[in-house]
Amino acid sequence: MGKKKKKPDSSPPHKASATAPPDKPTAVTEFLDLWVEFKKSIPFE
């Protein structure tokens, strides 16, 4: 959150989180983890 590797005018923070840029692997990993936990919480039979 506090680390800015991209250019400031490259893309707004809200748009960056929505597009999930490749330079944020941690965000993608966290999203996948949350998605897996979400799927686990819902029993599909």
N, C-alpha and C. Protein backbone atom coordinates (compact mmCIF):
# COMPACT_ATOMS: atom_id res chain seq x y z
N MET A 1 0.83 -1.21 0.00
CA MET A 1 0.00 0.00 0.00
C MET A 1 0.86 1.25 0.00
N GLY A 2 1.95 1.20 0.73
CA GLY A 2 2.81 2.38 0.82
C GLY A 2 3.92 2.36 -0.21
N LYS A 3 4.05 1.24 -0.92
CA LYS A 3 5.12 1.14 -1.92
C LYS A 3 4.59 1.49 -3.30
N LYS A 4 5.21 2.49 -3.93
CA LYS A 4 4.78 2.88 -5.27
C LYS A 4 5.90 2.60 -6.26
N LYS A 5 5.74 1.56 -7.05
CA LYS A 5 6.78 1.21 -8.03
C LYS A 5 6.43 1.77 -9.40
N LYS A 6 5.12 1.92 -9.66
CA LYS A 6 4.69 2.44 -10.95
C LYS A 6 4.73 3.96 -10.96
N LYS A 7 4.52 4.54 -12.14
CA LYS A 7 4.47 6.00 -12.24
C LYS A 7 3.21 6.52 -11.56
N PRO A 8 3.31 7.66 -10.89
CA PRO A 8 2.16 8.24 -10.18
C PRO A 8 0.97 8.47 -11.10
N ASP A 9 1.26 8.89 -12.35
CA ASP A 9 0.18 9.19 -13.29
C ASP A 9 -0.15 7.99 -14.18
N SER A 10 0.41 6.83 -13.84
CA SER A 10 0.17 5.65 -14.67
C SER A 10 -1.31 5.25 -14.60
N SER A 11 -1.82 5.09 -13.39
CA SER A 11 -3.22 4.74 -13.21
C SER A 11 -3.63 5.00 -11.78
N PRO A 12 -4.86 5.49 -11.57
CA PRO A 12 -5.35 5.80 -10.23
C PRO A 12 -5.38 4.55 -9.35
N PRO A 13 -5.25 4.72 -8.03
CA PRO A 13 -5.25 3.58 -7.10
C PRO A 13 -6.51 2.73 -7.24
N HIS A 14 -7.67 3.38 -7.34
CA HIS A 14 -8.92 2.62 -7.42
C HIS A 14 -8.98 1.82 -8.72
N LYS A 15 -8.44 2.39 -9.79
CA LYS A 15 -8.44 1.67 -11.07
C LYS A 15 -7.39 0.57 -11.05
N ALA A 16 -6.28 0.82 -10.38
CA ALA A 16 -5.20 -0.18 -10.32
C ALA A 16 -5.70 -1.43 -9.61
N SER A 17 -6.45 -1.24 -8.53
CA SER A 17 -6.94 -2.40 -7.78
C SER A 17 -8.02 -3.14 -8.56
N ALA A 18 -8.72 -2.41 -9.42
CA ALA A 18 -9.80 -3.03 -10.20
C ALA A 18 -9.23 -3.83 -11.37
N THR A 19 -8.16 -3.30 -11.97
CA THR A 19 -7.60 -3.97 -13.14
C THR A 19 -6.62 -5.06 -12.72
N ALA A 20 -6.15 -5.01 -11.49
CA ALA A 20 -5.18 -5.99 -10.97
C ALA A 20 -3.98 -6.11 -11.89
N PRO A 21 -3.11 -5.10 -11.90
CA PRO A 21 -1.92 -5.10 -12.76
C PRO A 21 -0.96 -6.22 -12.40
N PRO A 22 -0.16 -6.68 -13.34
CA PRO A 22 0.77 -7.79 -13.12
C PRO A 22 1.88 -7.44 -12.13
N ASP A 23 2.08 -6.14 -11.89
CA ASP A 23 3.16 -5.74 -10.98
C ASP A 23 2.69 -5.81 -9.52
N LYS A 24 1.48 -6.33 -9.29
CA LYS A 24 1.00 -6.48 -7.92
C LYS A 24 0.61 -7.93 -7.68
N PRO A 25 1.60 -8.83 -7.65
CA PRO A 25 1.31 -10.26 -7.46
C PRO A 25 0.72 -10.55 -6.08
N THR A 26 1.09 -9.75 -5.10
CA THR A 26 0.60 -9.97 -3.74
C THR A 26 -0.90 -9.73 -3.68
N ALA A 27 -1.37 -8.70 -4.38
CA ALA A 27 -2.80 -8.39 -4.38
C ALA A 27 -3.58 -9.54 -5.02
N VAL A 28 -3.04 -10.06 -6.11
CA VAL A 28 -3.70 -11.17 -6.80
C VAL A 28 -3.73 -12.40 -5.91
N THR A 29 -2.62 -12.65 -5.24
CA THR A 29 -2.54 -13.82 -4.36
C THR A 29 -3.54 -13.70 -3.21
N GLU A 30 -3.63 -12.51 -2.64
CA GLU A 30 -4.58 -12.30 -1.55
C GLU A 30 -6.00 -12.51 -2.04
N PHE A 31 -6.29 -12.02 -3.25
CA PHE A 31 -7.63 -12.17 -3.82
C PHE A 31 -7.95 -13.64 -4.02
N LEU A 32 -6.98 -14.39 -4.55
CA LEU A 32 -7.20 -15.82 -4.78
C LEU A 32 -7.41 -16.55 -3.46
N ASP A 33 -6.64 -16.17 -2.46
CA ASP A 33 -6.79 -16.81 -1.15
C ASP A 33 -8.19 -16.55 -0.59
N LEU A 34 -8.63 -15.29 -0.71
CA LEU A 34 -9.96 -14.95 -0.22
C LEU A 34 -11.03 -15.71 -1.00
N TRP A 35 -10.81 -15.84 -2.31
CA TRP A 35 -11.78 -16.55 -3.16
C TRP A 35 -11.85 -18.02 -2.76
N VAL A 36 -10.69 -18.63 -2.49
CA VAL A 36 -10.67 -20.04 -2.09
C VAL A 36 -11.40 -20.21 -0.76
N GLU A 37 -11.12 -19.32 0.18
CA GLU A 37 -11.79 -19.40 1.48
C GLU A 37 -13.29 -19.21 1.32
N PHE A 38 -13.67 -18.32 0.41
CA PHE A 38 -15.09 -18.06 0.15
C PHE A 38 -15.76 -19.31 -0.40
N LYS A 39 -15.08 -19.97 -1.33
CA LYS A 39 -15.63 -21.20 -1.92
C LYS A 39 -15.73 -22.29 -0.86
N LYS A 40 -14.74 -22.34 0.03
CA LYS A 40 -14.75 -23.37 1.08
C LYS A 40 -15.89 -23.12 2.05
N SER A 41 -16.20 -21.85 2.30
CA SER A 41 -17.24 -21.52 3.28
C SER A 41 -18.62 -21.91 2.75
N ILE A 42 -18.74 -22.03 1.42
CA ILE A 42 -20.03 -22.40 0.84
C ILE A 42 -19.98 -23.85 0.36
N PRO A 43 -20.72 -24.73 1.01
CA PRO A 43 -20.72 -26.15 0.63
C PRO A 43 -21.50 -26.40 -0.64
N PHE A 44 -20.79 -26.77 -1.71
CA PHE A 44 -21.48 -27.10 -2.96
C PHE A 44 -21.65 -28.61 -3.05
N GLU A 45 -22.90 -29.04 -3.18
CA GLU A 45 -23.13 -30.49 -3.23
C GLU A 45 -23.65 -30.89 -4.60
